[in-house]
Amino acid sequence: MTTEWVLTLSCPDRPGIVHAVAGVLAEHGGNITESQQFGDPASGLFFMRVQVALDVEEAAGRDALTAAVAPVAERFAMTWELDVVGRRLRTLVLVSKAPHCLVDLLYRERYQGMPVDVVGVVGNHPDLEDMAVFYGKPFHHVPVTKDTKAQAEDRLRELVDELDVELVVLARYMQILSDELCRDLQGKVINIHHSFLPSFKGARPYAQAHDRGVKLIGATSHYVTGDLDEGPIIEQDVERVDHSRAVADLVAIGEDVERRTLARAVRWHAEHRVLLDGHRTVVFR
């Protein structure tokens, strides 16, 4: 039985890394089906993503590849991960009242092969429970107020543990996660927001943008850190607009950009195409 694996790694850049990785995979019967690499001259780090097919049972393949790669990883001081290509990541989606990103993710999971398994939807409002139930997803109402924020985050931690969550997606979740929770889930939380920040903060950003006559509407998807909306960026997209667009038009266009930007970020993360490079990301599309 052939199983395809994805190996991702980063390490200090030096000659011989690609040769060593390809060689050890070939020595153990692996057939490389996809390979991408990048050396960052700014950080001095080397990044690589390799897909390799191995004609053995999955468990035996993992053991064989782990044993094969480990000495090379030690030699080059690599940080590395190994997973089965296409394995669906156990994902928890956090929402408030806006449905567009949640609906899009659930649709892509069911019909377009998005490699995630949404094991639950958490809402600080109950508005989207019907949508979650429509797609057969458990909905957890976890209200958040100034006085209950700590308890709400404790409940989120419980759900992450109970459901064995690997990825948390903030699908227009209009709450700020604490620094402590961001640290606990570092590299495992993806957010989406409009790209007007920091120019148009607070309520009704599209109305503010319309008032200033903006010509571009965009969205940014990034990993969540303690620095609000400043985590490593995974994906961004824009749409041009002009003076003829009303505020409602801008909102609709903005929601469309947000949903597709978030979807690409989630897919690339789930496919192990995103590697952290300090405050930046390397994305092997």
C-alpha atoms as a PDB file:
ATOM      1  CA  MET A   1       0.000   0.000   0.000  1.00  0.00           C
ATOM      2  CA  THR A   2       1.443   3.370  -1.051  1.00  0.00           C
ATOM      3  CA  THR A   3       1.172   6.276   1.363  1.00  0.00           C
ATOM      4  CA  GLU A   4       2.247   9.807   0.487  1.00  0.00           C
ATOM      5  CA  TRP A   5       3.967  11.822   3.186  1.00  0.00           C
ATOM      6  CA  VAL A   6       4.813  15.494   3.562  1.00  0.00           C
ATOM      7  CA  LEU A   7       8.048  16.510   5.254  1.00  0.00           C
ATOM      8  CA  THR A   8       8.620  20.145   6.231  1.00  0.00           C
ATOM      9  CA  LEU A   9      11.818  21.477   7.731  1.00  0.00           C
ATOM     10  CA  SER A  10      13.810  24.574   8.540  1.00  0.00           C
ATOM     11  CA  CYS A  11      17.414  24.951   9.625  1.00  0.00           C
ATOM     12  CA  PRO A  12      20.444  27.212   9.273  1.00  0.00           C
ATOM     13  CA  ASP A  13      21.289  27.442   5.580  1.00  0.00           C
ATOM     14  CA  ARG A  14      24.414  25.592   4.424  1.00  0.00           C
ATOM     15  CA  PRO A  15      25.459  23.471   1.440  1.00  0.00           C
ATOM     16  CA  GLY A  16      24.247  19.903   1.141  1.00  0.00           C
ATOM     17  CA  ILE A  17      20.792  20.047   2.744  1.00  0.00           C
ATOM     18  CA  VAL A  18      18.749  19.145  -0.343  1.00  0.00           C
ATOM     19  CA  HIS A  19      21.228  16.427  -1.297  1.00  0.00           C
ATOM     20  CA  ALA A  20      21.103  14.913   2.179  1.00  0.00           C
ATOM     21  CA  VAL A  21      17.300  14.951   2.417  1.00  0.00           C
ATOM     22  CA  ALA A  22      16.703  13.609  -1.092  1.00  0.00           C
ATOM     23  CA  GLY A  23      19.389  10.988  -0.637  1.00  0.00           C
ATOM     24  CA  VAL A  24      18.074   9.568   2.605  1.00  0.00           C
ATOM     25  CA  LEU A  25      14.514   9.441   1.244  1.00  0.00           C
ATOM     26  CA  ALA A  26      15.692   7.596  -1.853  1.00  0.00           C
ATOM     27  CA  GLU A  27      17.764   5.170   0.204  1.00  0.00           C
ATOM     28  CA  HIS A  28      14.621   4.137   2.084  1.00  0.00           C
ATOM     29  CA  GLY A  29      12.515   3.616  -1.037  1.00  0.00           C
ATOM     30  CA  GLY A  30      10.819   6.982  -1.124  1.00  0.00           C
ATOM     31  CA  ASN A  31       9.693   8.518  -4.415  1.00  0.00           C
ATOM     32  CA  ILE A  32       9.693  12.325  -4.220  1.00  0.00           C
ATOM     33  CA  THR A  33       6.526  13.664  -5.893  1.00  0.00           C
ATOM     34  CA  GLU A  34       6.862  17.353  -4.978  1.00  0.00           C
ATOM     35  CA  SER A  35       9.714  19.435  -3.607  1.00  0.00           C
ATOM     36  CA  GLN A  36      10.097  23.148  -2.858  1.00  0.00           C
ATOM     37  CA  GLN A  37      12.809  25.005  -0.995  1.00  0.00           C
ATOM     38  CA  PHE A  38      13.832  28.524  -0.083  1.00  0.00           C
ATOM     39  CA  GLY A  39      16.896  30.050   1.511  1.00  0.00           C
ATOM     40  CA  ASP A  40      16.220  33.344   3.280  1.00  0.00           C
ATOM     41  CA  PRO A  41      19.291  35.587   3.086  1.00  0.00           C
ATOM     42  CA  ALA A  42      17.821  37.888   5.747  1.00  0.00           C
ATOM     43  CA  SER A  43      17.420  35.250   8.464  1.00  0.00           C
ATOM     44  CA  GLY A  44      20.042  32.815   7.209  1.00  0.00           C
ATOM     45  CA  LEU A  45      17.510  30.000   7.386  1.00  0.00           C
ATOM     46  CA  PHE A  46      16.669  27.317   4.839  1.00  0.00           C
ATOM     47  CA  PHE A  47      13.124  26.014   4.371  1.00  0.00           C
ATOM     48  CA  MET A  48      11.965  22.899   2.546  1.00  0.00           C
ATOM     49  CA  ARG A  49       8.729  21.036   1.857  1.00  0.00           C
ATOM     50  CA  VAL A  50       8.879  17.571   0.318  1.00  0.00           C
ATOM     51  CA  GLN A  51       6.134  15.114  -0.602  1.00  0.00           C
ATOM     52  CA  VAL A  52       7.319  11.536  -0.816  1.00  0.00           C
ATOM     53  CA  ALA A  53       5.486   8.296  -1.643  1.00  0.00           C
ATOM     54  CA  LEU A  54       6.442   5.154   0.243  1.00  0.00           C
ATOM     55  CA  ASP A  55       5.163   1.704  -0.684  1.00  0.00           C
ATOM     56  CA  VAL A  56       4.587   0.425   2.861  1.00  0.00           C
ATOM     57  CA  GLU A  57       1.814   0.512   5.449  1.00  0.00           C
ATOM     58  CA  GLU A  58       1.224   3.912   7.054  1.00  0.00           C
ATOM     59  CA  ALA A  59       2.509   3.042  10.536  1.00  0.00           C
ATOM     60  CA  ALA A  60       5.596   1.313   9.156  1.00  0.00           C
ATOM     61  CA  GLY A  61       6.165   4.210   6.770  1.00  0.00           C
ATOM     62  CA  ARG A  62       6.104   6.741   9.575  1.00  0.00           C
ATOM     63  CA  ASP A  63       8.574   4.700  11.600  1.00  0.00           C
ATOM     64  CA  ALA A  64      10.856   4.214   8.602  1.00  0.00           C
ATOM     65  CA  LEU A  65      10.856   7.879   7.561  1.00  0.00           C
ATOM     66  CA  THR A  66      11.273   9.124  11.128  1.00  0.00           C
ATOM     67  CA  ALA A  67      14.249   6.850  11.650  1.00  0.00           C
ATOM     68  CA  ALA A  68      15.716   7.888   8.293  1.00  0.00           C
ATOM     69  CA  VAL A  69      15.289  11.639   8.702  1.00  0.00           C
ATOM     70  CA  ALA A  70      16.273  11.928  12.381  1.00  0.00           C
ATOM     71  CA  PRO A  71      20.071  11.632  11.858  1.00  0.00           C
ATOM     72  CA  VAL A  72      19.970  14.149   8.993  1.00  0.00           C
ATOM     73  CA  ALA A  73      17.845  16.505  11.103  1.00  0.00           C
ATOM     74  CA  GLU A  74      20.349  16.304  13.941  1.00  0.00           C
ATOM     75  CA  ARG A  75      23.273  16.871  11.592  1.00  0.00           C
ATOM     76  CA  PHE A  76      21.771  20.050  10.153  1.00  0.00           C
ATOM     77  CA  ALA A  77      20.001  21.245  13.373  1.00  0.00           C
ATOM     78  CA  MET A  78      16.600  21.005  11.708  1.00  0.00           C
ATOM     79  CA  THR A  79      13.163  21.755  13.046  1.00  0.00           C
ATOM     80  CA  TRP A  80      10.964  19.314  11.149  1.00  0.00           C
ATOM     81  CA  GLU A  81       7.537  17.702  10.913  1.00  0.00           C
ATOM     82  CA  LEU A  82       6.197  14.649   9.131  1.00  0.00           C
ATOM     83  CA  ASP A  83       2.554  13.974   8.261  1.00  0.00           C
ATOM     84  CA  VAL A  84       0.370  12.070   5.816  1.00  0.00           C
ATOM     85  CA  VAL A  85      -0.560  14.098   2.744  1.00  0.00           C
ATOM     86  CA  GLY A  86      -4.223  15.086   2.868  1.00  0.00           C
ATOM     87  CA  ARG A  87      -4.801  14.160   6.516  1.00  0.00           C
ATOM     88  CA  ARG A  88      -7.574  16.419   7.766  1.00  0.00           C
ATOM     89  CA  LEU A  89      -6.566  18.634  10.685  1.00  0.00           C
ATOM     90  CA  ARG A  90      -8.955  18.651  13.635  1.00  0.00           C
ATOM     91  CA  THR A  91     -10.198  22.239  13.566  1.00  0.00           C
ATOM     92  CA  LEU A  92     -12.208  24.442  15.910  1.00  0.00           C
ATOM     93  CA  VAL A  93     -13.881  27.491  14.331  1.00  0.00           C
ATOM     94  CA  LEU A  94     -14.656  30.557  16.468  1.00  0.00           C
ATOM     95  CA  VAL A  95     -17.386  32.938  15.307  1.00  0.00           C
ATOM     96  CA  SER A  96     -19.487  35.906  16.421  1.00  0.00           C
ATOM     97  CA  LYS A  97     -22.380  37.042  14.193  1.00  0.00           C
ATOM     98  CA  ALA A  98     -21.018  37.337  10.641  1.00  0.00           C
ATOM     99  CA  PRO A  99     -21.661  34.066   8.756  1.00  0.00           C
ATOM    100  CA  HIS A 100     -19.665  34.436   5.542  1.00  0.00           C
ATOM    101  CA  CYS A 101     -16.341  32.923   6.613  1.00  0.00           C
ATOM    102  CA  LEU A 102     -17.916  30.063   8.582  1.00  0.00           C
ATOM    103  CA  VAL A 103     -20.257  29.105   5.727  1.00  0.00           C
ATOM    104  CA  ASP A 104     -17.401  29.214   3.233  1.00  0.00           C
ATOM    105  CA  LEU A 105     -15.114  26.989   5.329  1.00  0.00           C
ATOM    106  CA  LEU A 106     -17.838  24.422   6.000  1.00  0.00           C
ATOM    107  CA  TYR A 107     -18.777  24.341   2.318  1.00  0.00           C
ATOM    108  CA  ARG A 108     -15.161  23.880   1.243  1.00  0.00           C
ATOM    109  CA  GLU A 109     -14.654  21.145   3.830  1.00  0.00           C
ATOM    110  CA  ARG A 110     -17.697  19.199   2.610  1.00  0.00           C
ATOM    111  CA  TYR A 111     -17.556  19.774  -1.139  1.00  0.00           C
ATOM    112  CA  GLN A 112     -14.118  21.040  -2.176  1.00  0.00           C
ATOM    113  CA  GLY A 113     -11.674  18.834  -0.299  1.00  0.00           C
ATOM    114  CA  MET A 114     -10.472  21.361   2.255  1.00  0.00           C
ATOM    115  CA  PRO A 115      -8.229  19.118   4.414  1.00  0.00           C
ATOM    116  CA  VAL A 116      -9.792  20.048   7.757  1.00  0.00           C
ATOM    117  CA  ASP A 117     -12.187  18.241  10.054  1.00  0.00           C
ATOM    118  CA  VAL A 118     -14.254  20.904  11.792  1.00  0.00           C
ATOM    119  CA  VAL A 119     -14.921  19.209  15.130  1.00  0.00           C
ATOM    120  CA  GLY A 120     -16.835  22.142  16.594  1.00  0.00           C
ATOM    121  CA  VAL A 121     -17.982  25.724  16.222  1.00  0.00           C
ATOM    122  CA  VAL A 122     -17.720  28.145  19.156  1.00  0.00           C
ATOM    123  CA  GLY A 123     -19.751  31.352  19.181  1.00  0.00           C
ATOM    124  CA  ASN A 124     -19.722  34.162  21.690  1.00  0.00           C
ATOM    125  CA  HIS A 125     -23.244  34.811  20.353  1.00  0.00           C
ATOM    126  CA  PRO A 126     -25.812  32.105  19.438  1.00  0.00           C
ATOM    127  CA  ASP A 127     -26.604  33.585  16.029  1.00  0.00           C
ATOM    128  CA  LEU A 128     -24.762  31.008  13.896  1.00  0.00           C
ATOM    129  CA  GLU A 129     -25.878  27.874  15.728  1.00  0.00           C
ATOM    130  CA  ASP A 130     -28.392  27.004  13.000  1.00  0.00           C
ATOM    131  CA  MET A 131     -25.676  27.215  10.358  1.00  0.00           C
ATOM    132  CA  ALA A 132     -23.365  24.927  12.324  1.00  0.00           C
ATOM    133  CA  VAL A 133     -26.169  22.419  12.890  1.00  0.00           C
ATOM    134  CA  PHE A 134     -27.063  22.512   9.173  1.00  0.00           C
ATOM    135  CA  TYR A 135     -23.566  21.233   8.418  1.00  0.00           C
ATOM    136  CA  GLY A 136     -23.715  18.708  11.263  1.00  0.00           C
ATOM    137  CA  LYS A 137     -21.243  20.508  13.510  1.00  0.00           C
ATOM    138  CA  PRO A 138     -21.565  20.776  17.315  1.00  0.00           C
ATOM    139  CA  PHE A 139     -22.115  24.373  18.401  1.00  0.00           C
ATOM    140  CA  HIS A 140     -20.798  25.661  21.721  1.00  0.00           C
ATOM    141  CA  HIS A 141     -22.145  28.969  22.992  1.00  0.00           C
ATOM    142  CA  VAL A 142     -19.418  30.582  25.089  1.00  0.00           C
ATOM    143  CA  PRO A 143     -20.474  34.146  25.962  1.00  0.00           C
ATOM    144  CA  VAL A 144     -17.719  36.670  26.587  1.00  0.00           C
ATOM    145  CA  THR A 145     -18.033  39.772  28.728  1.00  0.00           C
ATOM    146  CA  LYS A 146     -15.436  41.905  30.438  1.00  0.00           C
ATOM    147  CA  ASP A 147     -16.107  40.033  33.675  1.00  0.00           C
ATOM    148  CA  THR A 148     -16.210  36.522  32.170  1.00  0.00           C
ATOM    149  CA  LYS A 149     -13.354  36.689  29.650  1.00  0.00           C
ATOM    150  CA  ALA A 150     -11.030  34.517  31.745  1.00  0.00           C
ATOM    151  CA  GLN A 151     -13.689  31.837  32.253  1.00  0.00           C
ATOM    152  CA  ALA A 152     -14.544  31.907  28.539  1.00  0.00           C
ATOM    153  CA  GLU A 153     -10.905  31.328  27.602  1.00  0.00           C
ATOM    154  CA  ASP A 154     -10.687  28.493  30.120  1.00  0.00           C
ATOM    155  CA  ARG A 155     -13.657  26.916  28.333  1.00  0.00           C
ATOM    156  CA  LEU A 156     -11.867  27.333  24.994  1.00  0.00           C
ATOM    157  CA  ARG A 157      -8.836  25.550  26.421  1.00  0.00           C
ATOM    158  CA  GLU A 158     -11.080  22.740  27.629  1.00  0.00           C
ATOM    159  CA  LEU A 159     -12.602  22.345  24.164  1.00  0.00           C
ATOM    160  CA  VAL A 160      -9.177  22.334  22.519  1.00  0.00           C
ATOM    161  CA  ASP A 161      -8.109  19.528  24.863  1.00  0.00           C
ATOM    162  CA  GLU A 162     -11.369  17.558  24.803  1.00  0.00           C
ATOM    163  CA  LEU A 163     -11.669  17.647  21.005  1.00  0.00           C
ATOM    164  CA  ASP A 164      -7.939  17.121  20.354  1.00  0.00           C
ATOM    165  CA  VAL A 165      -7.882  20.329  18.304  1.00  0.00           C
ATOM    166  CA  GLU A 166      -4.896  20.979  16.037  1.00  0.00           C
ATOM    167  CA  LEU A 167      -6.029  24.278  14.483  1.00  0.00           C
ATOM    168  CA  VAL A 168      -8.212  27.148  15.685  1.00  0.00           C
ATOM    169  CA  VAL A 169      -9.720  29.472  13.067  1.00  0.00           C
ATOM    170  CA  LEU A 170     -11.093  32.883  14.031  1.00  0.00           C
ATOM    171  CA  ALA A 171     -13.776  33.244  11.365  1.00  0.00           C
ATOM    172  CA  ARG A 172     -14.690  36.872  12.101  1.00  0.00           C
ATOM    173  CA  TYR A 173     -14.590  36.178  15.843  1.00  0.00           C
ATOM    174  CA  MET A 174     -14.923  39.641  17.313  1.00  0.00           C
ATOM    175  CA  GLN A 175     -13.025  39.028  20.523  1.00  0.00           C
ATOM    176  CA  ILE A 176      -9.376  39.635  21.390  1.00  0.00           C
ATOM    177  CA  LEU A 177      -7.545  36.583  22.724  1.00  0.00           C
ATOM    178  CA  SER A 178      -5.364  37.124  25.774  1.00  0.00           C
ATOM    179  CA  ASP A 179      -1.579  37.072  25.495  1.00  0.00           C
ATOM    180  CA  GLU A 180      -1.518  33.883  27.571  1.00  0.00           C
ATOM    181  CA  LEU A 181      -3.928  32.031  25.273  1.00  0.00           C
ATOM    182  CA  CYS A 182      -2.019  33.258  22.219  1.00  0.00           C
ATOM    183  CA  ARG A 183       1.176  31.810  23.684  1.00  0.00           C
ATOM    184  CA  ASP A 184      -0.548  28.523  24.570  1.00  0.00           C
ATOM    185  CA  LEU A 185      -1.759  28.108  20.974  1.00  0.00           C
ATOM    186  CA  GLN A 186       1.171  29.709  19.167  1.00  0.00           C
ATOM    187  CA  GLY A 187       1.289  28.797  15.492  1.00  0.00           C
ATOM    188  CA  LYS A 188      -2.112  27.082  15.696  1.00  0.00           C
ATOM    189  CA  VAL A 189      -4.538  30.025  15.455  1.00  0.00           C
ATOM    190  CA  ILE A 190      -5.406  31.758  12.164  1.00  0.00           C
ATOM    191  CA  ASN A 191      -7.314  35.049  12.004  1.00  0.00           C
ATOM    192  CA  ILE A 192      -8.920  37.086   9.220  1.00  0.00           C
ATOM    193  CA  HIS A 193      -9.663  40.799   9.135  1.00  0.00           C
ATOM    194  CA  HIS A 194     -10.098  43.621   6.661  1.00  0.00           C
ATOM    195  CA  SER A 195      -6.925  45.379   5.589  1.00  0.00           C
ATOM    196  CA  PHE A 196      -8.032  48.893   6.455  1.00  0.00           C
ATOM    197  CA  LEU A 197      -6.165  48.640   9.741  1.00  0.00           C
ATOM    198  CA  PRO A 198      -4.695  50.710  11.231  1.00  0.00           C
ATOM    199  CA  SER A 199      -6.377  53.534   9.290  1.00  0.00           C
ATOM    200  CA  PHE A 200     -10.020  52.732  10.042  1.00  0.00           C
ATOM    201  CA  LYS A 201     -10.374  51.265  13.513  1.00  0.00           C
ATOM    202  CA  GLY A 202     -13.419  50.426  15.568  1.00  0.00           C
ATOM    203  CA  ALA A 203     -17.012  50.256  14.415  1.00  0.00           C
ATOM    204  CA  ARG A 204     -18.188  50.564  10.814  1.00  0.00           C
ATOM    205  CA  PRO A 205     -14.767  50.465   9.105  1.00  0.00           C
ATOM    206  CA  TYR A 206     -16.359  50.220   5.646  1.00  0.00           C
ATOM    207  CA  ALA A 207     -18.368  53.367   6.272  1.00  0.00           C
ATOM    208  CA  GLN A 208     -15.173  55.119   7.340  1.00  0.00           C
ATOM    209  CA  ALA A 209     -13.411  53.839   4.228  1.00  0.00           C
ATOM    210  CA  HIS A 210     -16.290  54.970   2.013  1.00  0.00           C
ATOM    211  CA  ASP A 211     -16.175  58.413   3.580  1.00  0.00           C
ATOM    212  CA  ARG A 212     -12.470  58.657   2.720  1.00  0.00           C
ATOM    213  CA  GLY A 213     -12.970  57.424  -0.837  1.00  0.00           C
ATOM    214  CA  VAL A 214     -10.774  54.335  -0.690  1.00  0.00           C
ATOM    215  CA  LYS A 215      -9.942  52.630  -3.978  1.00  0.00           C
ATOM    216  CA  LEU A 216      -8.815  49.246  -2.632  1.00  0.00           C
ATOM    217  CA  ILE A 217     -10.578  46.817  -0.310  1.00  0.00           C
ATOM    218  CA  GLY A 218      -8.467  44.040   1.102  1.00  0.00           C
ATOM    219  CA  ALA A 219      -8.206  41.286   3.683  1.00  0.00           C
ATOM    220  CA  THR A 220      -5.338  39.812   5.680  1.00  0.00           C
ATOM    221  CA  SER A 221      -5.105  36.330   7.154  1.00  0.00           C
ATOM    222  CA  HIS A 222      -2.375  35.748   9.708  1.00  0.00           C
ATOM    223  CA  TYR A 223      -1.288  33.702  12.686  1.00  0.00           C
ATOM    224  CA  VAL A 224      -2.476  35.112  15.995  1.00  0.00           C
ATOM    225  CA  THR A 225       0.054  36.474  18.466  1.00  0.00           C
ATOM    226  CA  GLY A 226      -0.149  38.710  21.506  1.00  0.00           C
ATOM    227  CA  ASP A 227       0.377  41.718  19.209  1.00  0.00           C
ATOM    228  CA  LEU A 228      -3.128  42.519  18.008  1.00  0.00           C
ATOM    229  CA  ASP A 229      -3.521  41.886  14.257  1.00  0.00           C
ATOM    230  CA  GLU A 230       0.266  41.850  13.806  1.00  0.00           C
ATOM    231  CA  GLY A 231       1.034  38.118  13.649  1.00  0.00           C
ATOM    232  CA  PRO A 232       2.930  36.522  10.734  1.00  0.00           C
ATOM    233  CA  ILE A 233       0.930  37.082   7.548  1.00  0.00           C
ATOM    234  CA  ILE A 234      -0.114  34.011   5.556  1.00  0.00           C
ATOM    235  CA  GLU A 235      -2.203  35.549   2.772  1.00  0.00           C
ATOM    236  CA  GLN A 236      -3.618  38.876   1.579  1.00  0.00           C
ATOM    237  CA  ASP A 237      -5.942  39.845  -1.263  1.00  0.00           C
ATOM    238  CA  VAL A 238      -7.546  43.019  -2.643  1.00  0.00           C
ATOM    239  CA  GLU A 239     -10.366  44.246  -4.874  1.00  0.00           C
ATOM    240  CA  ARG A 240     -10.498  47.618  -6.617  1.00  0.00           C
ATOM    241  CA  VAL A 241     -13.519  49.861  -6.001  1.00  0.00           C
ATOM    242  CA  ASP A 242     -14.530  53.330  -7.115  1.00  0.00           C
ATOM    243  CA  HIS A 243     -16.755  56.266  -6.243  1.00  0.00           C
ATOM    244  CA  SER A 244     -19.901  54.528  -7.517  1.00  0.00           C
ATOM    245  CA  ARG A 245     -19.894  51.938  -4.732  1.00  0.00           C
ATOM    246  CA  ALA A 246     -22.196  52.438  -1.762  1.00  0.00           C
ATOM    247  CA  VAL A 247     -21.239  51.357   1.756  1.00  0.00           C
ATOM    248  CA  ALA A 248     -23.309  48.170   1.375  1.00  0.00           C
ATOM    249  CA  ASP A 249     -21.355  47.342  -1.781  1.00  0.00           C
ATOM    250  CA  LEU A 250     -18.063  47.765   0.048  1.00  0.00           C
ATOM    251  CA  VAL A 251     -19.239  45.484   2.850  1.00  0.00           C
ATOM    252  CA  ALA A 252     -20.272  42.754   0.379  1.00  0.00           C
ATOM    253  CA  ILE A 253     -17.018  43.009  -1.562  1.00  0.00           C
ATOM    254  CA  GLY A 254     -15.059  42.993   1.693  1.00  0.00           C
ATOM    255  CA  GLU A 255     -16.795  39.856   2.933  1.00  0.00           C
ATOM    256  CA  ASP A 256     -16.030  38.107  -0.342  1.00  0.00           C
ATOM    257  CA  VAL A 257     -12.339  39.005  -0.099  1.00  0.00           C
ATOM    258  CA  GLU A 258     -12.236  37.914   3.547  1.00  0.00           C
ATOM    259  CA  ARG A 259     -13.741  34.479   2.956  1.00  0.00           C
ATOM    260  CA  ARG A 260     -11.444  33.537   0.079  1.00  0.00           C
ATOM    261  CA  THR A 261      -8.345  34.931   1.793  1.00  0.00           C
ATOM    262  CA  LEU A 262      -9.089  32.947   4.939  1.00  0.00           C
ATOM    263  CA  ALA A 263      -9.833  29.810   2.931  1.00  0.00           C
ATOM    264  CA  ARG A 264      -6.470  29.939   1.181  1.00  0.00           C
ATOM    265  CA  ALA A 265      -4.640  30.496   4.470  1.00  0.00           C
ATOM    266  CA  VAL A 266      -6.416  27.590   6.163  1.00  0.00           C
ATOM    267  CA  ARG A 267      -5.846  25.257   3.212  1.00  0.00           C
ATOM    268  CA  TRP A 268      -2.153  26.106   2.951  1.00  0.00           C
ATOM    269  CA  HIS A 269      -1.693  25.609   6.690  1.00  0.00           C
ATOM    270  CA  ALA A 270      -3.538  22.277   6.622  1.00  0.00           C
ATOM    271  CA  GLU A 271      -1.417  21.151   3.668  1.00  0.00           C
ATOM    272  CA  HIS A 272       1.762  22.057   5.599  1.00  0.00           C
ATOM    273  CA  ARG A 273       2.693  24.720   3.073  1.00  0.00           C
ATOM    274  CA  VAL A 274       3.306  27.502   5.622  1.00  0.00           C
ATOM    275  CA  LEU A 275       6.544  27.667   7.599  1.00  0.00           C
ATOM    276  CA  LEU A 276       7.316  30.348  10.156  1.00  0.00           C
ATOM    277  CA  ASP A 277      10.333  32.558   9.507  1.00  0.00           C
ATOM    278  CA  GLY A 278      10.429  34.792  12.573  1.00  0.00           C
ATOM    279  CA  HIS A 279       7.746  37.450  12.089  1.00  0.00           C
ATOM    280  CA  ARG A 280       7.265  36.353   8.485  1.00  0.00           C
ATOM    281  CA  THR A 281       6.060  33.202   6.745  1.00  0.00           C
ATOM    282  CA  VAL A 282       7.387  31.106   3.897  1.00  0.00           C
ATOM    283  CA  VAL A 283       4.426  29.810   1.861  1.00  0.00           C
ATOM    284  CA  PHE A 284       5.066  26.974  -0.608  1.00  0.00           C
ATOM    285  CA  ARG A 285       1.965  27.251  -2.804  1.00  0.00           C
END
